[in-house]
Amino acid sequence: MNQYNKKYFARYKRKNIFNLEIGERCCLYSFWMRKICKLIPIGSKILEVGCGLGYFLKWLEKRYTVYGIDISEDAINIAKAKTTAFLLVADAQNLPFEDNIFSGVIAFDVIEHLINPEKFFYEANRVLLPNGFLIFSTPNPYSFGSFFKPHKPEYNAL
């Protein structure tokens, strides 16, 4: 049973005080878009690994040719209703793409879920064009803000 099912993603679909789904992290996505647009030429191919429900793909597709993968079939099915990106159910540790085709690979809050994160970094490097960019983030489970979150994420011990 895949733990990243509809139940897992349900919390992202709840509405906040601005009537936006919690997964629509507009301030954060706006920040990342400014950074990405400075690094990667508009119109380039970008892959989002662990695209979830497609929230950030909606931002990316306004300026780029966008591909998204997620290990969850449920997430991909929900994302298909939100985005025109090319979507696939796939594992971050075994990317189903040819070598040297993306100008950017993006992975927000993905590597902490992987059994072999080094395989992901190898795969990301493989599919990136020379001088392409890998942009990733991972949460700090010991940050001040994490003490206030009702949902405590599980992290693989490396």
Protein backbone atom coordinates (compact mmCIF):
# COMPACT_ATOMS: atom_id res chain seq x y z
CA MET A 1 0.00 0.00 0.00
CA ASN A 2 1.39 3.36 -1.02
CA GLN A 3 1.47 5.74 1.96
CA TYR A 4 1.20 8.71 -0.42
CA ASN A 5 -2.47 8.19 -1.21
CA LYS A 6 -5.58 10.40 -1.23
CA LYS A 7 -5.66 10.41 2.57
CA TYR A 8 -2.06 11.65 2.75
CA PHE A 9 -2.77 14.53 0.35
CA ALA A 10 -6.16 15.48 1.87
CA ARG A 11 -4.55 17.95 4.29
CA TYR A 12 -3.12 19.96 1.37
CA LYS A 13 -6.60 20.44 -0.09
CA ARG A 14 -8.08 22.01 3.07
CA LYS A 15 -8.73 25.75 2.73
CA ASN A 16 -6.89 28.46 4.65
CA ILE A 17 -8.26 31.83 5.77
CA PHE A 18 -7.74 33.20 2.23
CA ASN A 19 -9.86 30.38 0.76
CA LEU A 20 -6.80 28.85 -0.90
CA GLU A 21 -5.85 25.22 -0.56
CA ILE A 22 -3.09 24.86 2.05
CA GLY A 23 -0.87 23.35 -0.65
CA GLU A 24 -1.01 26.64 -2.59
CA ARG A 25 1.97 28.24 -0.87
CA CYS A 26 1.85 31.44 -2.91
CA CYS A 27 4.54 33.39 -1.05
CA LEU A 28 6.96 30.48 -1.17
CA TYR A 29 6.24 29.72 -4.83
CA SER A 30 6.59 33.38 -5.79
CA PHE A 31 10.01 33.43 -4.10
CA TRP A 32 11.17 30.30 -5.94
CA MET A 33 9.85 31.54 -9.29
CA ARG A 34 11.94 34.73 -9.01
CA LYS A 35 15.05 32.64 -8.31
CA ILE A 36 14.35 30.11 -11.06
CA CYS A 37 13.66 32.80 -13.68
CA LYS A 38 17.07 34.34 -12.94
CA LEU A 39 18.84 31.01 -13.45
CA ILE A 40 16.92 29.16 -16.16
CA PRO A 41 15.96 30.71 -19.51
CA ILE A 42 12.22 31.12 -20.11
CA GLY A 43 10.85 28.36 -22.34
CA SER A 44 13.35 25.73 -21.15
CA LYS A 45 12.37 22.23 -20.04
CA ILE A 46 12.04 21.78 -16.28
CA LEU A 47 11.31 18.61 -14.31
CA GLU A 48 9.64 18.79 -10.91
CA VAL A 49 10.37 15.62 -8.94
CA GLY A 50 7.77 14.89 -6.27
CA CYS A 51 5.29 17.27 -7.88
CA GLY A 52 2.49 16.15 -5.58
CA LEU A 53 -0.84 17.72 -6.48
CA GLY A 54 0.66 20.05 -9.09
CA TYR A 55 0.58 23.35 -7.20
CA PHE A 56 4.06 24.51 -8.23
CA LEU A 57 3.70 23.06 -11.72
CA LYS A 58 0.91 25.62 -12.30
CA TRP A 59 3.42 28.39 -11.61
CA LEU A 60 6.18 26.85 -13.71
CA GLU A 61 4.04 26.15 -16.77
CA LYS A 62 3.43 29.88 -17.25
CA ARG A 63 7.05 30.26 -18.36
CA TYR A 64 8.52 26.81 -19.03
CA THR A 65 7.91 23.47 -20.68
CA VAL A 66 7.13 21.46 -17.58
CA TYR A 67 7.33 17.80 -16.64
CA GLY A 68 6.28 16.39 -13.27
CA ILE A 69 6.73 13.06 -11.58
CA ASP A 70 5.47 11.67 -8.32
CA ILE A 71 5.52 8.20 -6.83
CA SER A 72 1.83 8.56 -5.98
CA GLU A 73 -0.69 7.70 -8.68
CA ASP A 74 -3.35 9.49 -6.61
CA ALA A 75 -1.27 12.70 -6.62
CA ILE A 76 -0.67 12.52 -10.37
CA ASN A 77 -4.39 12.01 -11.04
CA ILE A 78 -5.26 15.08 -8.95
CA ALA A 79 -2.47 17.13 -10.58
CA LYS A 80 -3.83 16.34 -14.05
CA ALA A 81 -6.87 18.46 -13.25
CA LYS A 82 -4.70 21.43 -12.23
CA THR A 83 -1.96 21.56 -14.84
CA THR A 84 -1.15 20.93 -18.49
CA ALA A 85 2.33 19.63 -17.56
CA PHE A 86 3.50 16.24 -18.82
CA LEU A 87 2.92 13.98 -15.78
CA LEU A 88 4.17 10.51 -14.91
CA VAL A 89 4.03 8.17 -11.95
CA ALA A 90 7.72 7.49 -11.33
CA ASP A 91 10.39 7.06 -8.66
CA ALA A 92 12.84 9.92 -8.01
CA GLN A 93 15.62 7.35 -7.72
CA ASN A 94 15.02 6.02 -11.24
CA LEU A 95 14.00 8.88 -13.54
CA PRO A 96 12.35 7.65 -16.77
CA PHE A 97 13.99 10.24 -19.04
CA GLU A 98 16.90 10.36 -21.46
CA ASP A 99 20.22 11.91 -20.49
CA ASN A 100 20.79 15.67 -20.78
CA ILE A 101 17.28 16.94 -21.54
CA PHE A 102 16.30 19.33 -18.70
CA SER A 103 17.62 22.80 -17.95
CA GLY A 104 16.33 22.43 -14.40
CA VAL A 105 15.34 19.72 -11.97
CA ILE A 106 13.35 20.85 -8.95
CA ALA A 107 12.65 18.77 -5.84
CA PHE A 108 10.97 20.47 -2.89
CA ASP A 109 10.71 18.37 0.27
CA VAL A 110 11.51 15.11 -1.51
CA ILE A 111 14.95 13.83 -0.50
CA GLU A 112 13.98 13.24 3.13
CA HIS A 113 11.50 10.60 1.88
CA LEU A 114 14.02 8.62 -0.17
CA ILE A 115 15.76 5.42 0.89
CA ASN A 116 18.77 6.21 -1.36
CA PRO A 117 18.94 9.98 -1.84
CA GLU A 118 22.33 9.61 -3.52
CA LYS A 119 20.58 7.75 -6.36
CA PHE A 120 18.28 10.73 -6.82
CA PHE A 121 21.26 13.10 -7.07
CA TYR A 122 22.90 10.80 -9.63
CA GLU A 123 19.67 10.63 -11.66
CA ALA A 124 19.09 14.40 -11.48
CA ASN A 125 22.62 15.00 -12.74
CA ARG A 126 22.10 12.48 -15.53
CA VAL A 127 18.95 14.14 -16.91
CA LEU A 128 20.27 17.69 -16.56
CA LEU A 129 21.83 19.47 -19.50
CA PRO A 130 25.44 20.60 -19.01
CA ASN A 131 25.23 23.75 -16.87
CA GLY A 132 21.68 22.83 -15.83
CA PHE A 133 20.42 23.54 -12.32
CA LEU A 134 19.28 21.23 -9.54
CA ILE A 135 17.11 23.20 -7.12
CA PHE A 136 15.99 21.37 -4.01
CA SER A 137 14.92 21.96 -0.44
CA THR A 138 14.42 19.74 2.54
CA PRO A 139 12.71 20.61 5.83
CA ASN A 140 14.51 20.93 9.12
CA PRO A 141 12.65 18.67 11.58
CA TYR A 142 14.30 20.51 14.47
CA SER A 143 13.34 24.05 13.40
CA PHE A 144 11.35 26.33 15.67
CA GLY A 145 8.33 26.19 13.36
CA SER A 146 8.23 22.39 13.33
CA PHE A 147 7.39 22.32 17.05
CA PHE A 148 4.04 23.95 16.26
CA LYS A 149 2.98 21.72 13.39
CA PRO A 150 0.25 19.22 14.25
CA HIS A 151 1.56 16.75 11.65
CA LYS A 152 5.05 15.52 12.47
CA PRO A 153 6.78 14.17 9.33
CA GLU A 154 8.66 10.91 9.40
CA TYR A 155 12.25 11.00 8.19
CA ASN A 156 14.44 8.20 6.97
CA ALA A 157 17.59 7.82 9.03
CA LEU A 158 20.58 8.00 6.75
